[in-house]
Amino acid sequence: MDVTLTIALPTTREDGSAVSPADIASLNIFRADGANAPKPVGSLAGPFSTPTVTFTEHNVPSGNEGYSCDGVEKGKEGDVSDVFPVVVAAPLAKLAAPTIVSATQA
């Protein structure tokens, strides 16, 4: 299954000063499943022109997943976001074969 995240970019730095989407060089995306530590699953290259961006991870296994991300500005990695939980449903099982119940000669 695919999971698409919509991410709101930070508007301030830790000191409270303003930051614009164009100041952010990149975003790093992490995913954790169960008790496993978060692992990098992708990144988005900036600078950005909008206050929100999307990221899609393909072929995510079914189960309980948690996504987080951080931003990079001028080579400095920012704080990691809170974990956003996602439940990825298992794909539907293949349809069973139909049964022919009768046949007649035409």
Protein backbone atom coordinates (compact mmCIF):
# COMPACT_ATOMS: atom_id res chain seq x y z
CA MET A 1 0.00 0.00 0.00
CA ASP A 2 1.08 3.58 -0.52
CA VAL A 3 1.05 6.20 2.23
CA THR A 4 0.94 9.91 1.38
CA LEU A 5 1.89 12.41 4.06
CA THR A 6 0.91 16.08 3.99
CA ILE A 7 3.55 18.03 5.90
CA ALA A 8 3.21 21.59 7.21
CA LEU A 9 6.62 23.24 7.07
CA PRO A 10 7.90 25.06 10.17
CA THR A 11 7.32 28.80 10.28
CA THR A 12 9.77 29.57 13.11
CA ARG A 13 13.17 28.53 14.39
CA GLU A 14 13.82 27.42 17.99
CA ASP A 15 14.64 31.04 18.93
CA GLY A 16 11.25 32.20 17.62
CA SER A 17 12.59 33.94 14.52
CA ALA A 18 10.57 33.51 11.34
CA VAL A 19 11.51 31.05 8.61
CA SER A 20 9.94 30.86 5.15
CA PRO A 21 9.47 27.73 3.01
CA ALA A 22 12.24 29.03 0.71
CA ASP A 23 14.72 28.90 3.63
CA ILE A 24 14.29 25.14 4.11
CA ALA A 25 16.82 23.15 2.12
CA SER A 26 15.25 19.71 2.59
CA LEU A 27 13.03 17.47 4.69
CA ASN A 28 13.95 14.01 5.96
CA ILE A 29 11.14 11.48 6.39
CA PHE A 30 11.33 8.60 8.90
CA ARG A 31 9.09 5.57 9.53
CA ALA A 32 8.97 3.26 12.54
CA ASP A 33 6.98 0.06 12.80
CA GLY A 34 6.12 -1.53 16.12
CA ALA A 35 8.99 -1.36 18.59
CA ASN A 36 11.64 -0.70 15.92
CA ALA A 37 13.50 2.61 15.86
CA PRO A 38 12.60 5.08 13.09
CA LYS A 39 14.46 4.57 9.82
CA PRO A 40 14.88 7.08 6.99
CA VAL A 41 12.49 6.33 4.14
CA GLY A 42 13.00 9.38 1.94
CA SER A 43 13.59 13.07 1.63
CA LEU A 44 12.22 16.08 -0.19
CA ALA A 45 14.55 18.66 -1.71
CA GLY A 46 13.85 22.35 -1.16
CA PRO A 47 13.74 25.19 -1.29
CA PHE A 48 9.97 25.04 -1.09
CA SER A 49 7.44 27.52 -2.43
CA THR A 50 4.37 26.51 -0.42
CA PRO A 51 3.77 26.10 3.33
CA THR A 52 2.76 22.44 2.92
CA VAL A 53 4.31 19.63 0.91
CA THR A 54 3.43 15.98 0.26
CA PHE A 55 5.53 12.86 0.40
CA THR A 56 4.44 9.40 -0.79
CA GLU A 57 6.07 6.17 0.31
CA HIS A 58 5.23 3.21 -1.90
CA ASN A 59 4.83 -0.45 -0.93
CA VAL A 60 4.49 0.14 2.80
CA PRO A 61 3.90 -3.15 4.66
CA SER A 62 0.60 -3.60 6.47
CA GLY A 63 0.50 -2.89 10.17
CA ASN A 64 0.93 -0.01 12.58
CA GLU A 65 3.40 2.54 11.30
CA GLY A 66 4.57 5.87 12.66
CA TYR A 67 5.96 8.70 10.55
CA SER A 68 8.08 11.66 11.60
CA CYS A 69 10.21 14.21 9.77
CA ASP A 70 12.72 16.98 10.27
CA GLY A 71 13.85 19.97 8.26
CA VAL A 72 17.33 21.06 7.21
CA GLU A 73 18.42 24.67 6.85
CA LYS A 74 21.97 25.64 5.87
CA GLY A 75 23.25 22.18 6.79
CA LYS A 76 21.65 22.19 10.26
CA GLU A 77 19.06 19.55 10.99
CA GLY A 78 16.09 20.79 12.99
CA ASP A 79 13.96 19.06 15.59
CA VAL A 80 12.15 15.86 14.65
CA SER A 81 8.38 16.13 14.51
CA ASP A 82 6.04 14.18 16.74
CA VAL A 83 5.23 10.72 15.40
CA PHE A 84 2.08 10.57 13.30
CA PRO A 85 0.48 7.10 13.58
CA VAL A 86 -0.80 5.37 10.45
CA VAL A 87 -2.55 2.00 10.25
CA VAL A 88 -1.82 0.40 6.89
CA ALA A 89 -4.51 -2.13 5.99
CA ALA A 90 -3.54 -5.44 4.49
CA PRO A 91 -4.48 -5.71 0.81
CA LEU A 92 -7.65 -7.61 0.04
CA ALA A 93 -7.14 -11.30 -0.50
CA LYS A 94 -7.51 -12.58 -4.04
CA LEU A 95 -11.08 -13.51 -4.97
CA ALA A 96 -11.84 -17.22 -4.71
CA ALA A 97 -12.66 -19.07 -7.93
CA PRO A 98 -16.33 -19.09 -8.94
CA THR A 99 -18.16 -22.41 -9.12
CA ILE A 100 -20.04 -23.55 -12.23
CA VAL A 101 -23.25 -25.06 -10.96
CA SER A 102 -24.79 -26.26 -14.22
CA ALA A 103 -24.37 -26.37 -17.96
CA THR A 104 -26.86 -27.03 -20.77
CA GLN A 105 -26.35 -27.77 -24.40
CA ALA A 106 -27.77 -25.10 -26.66
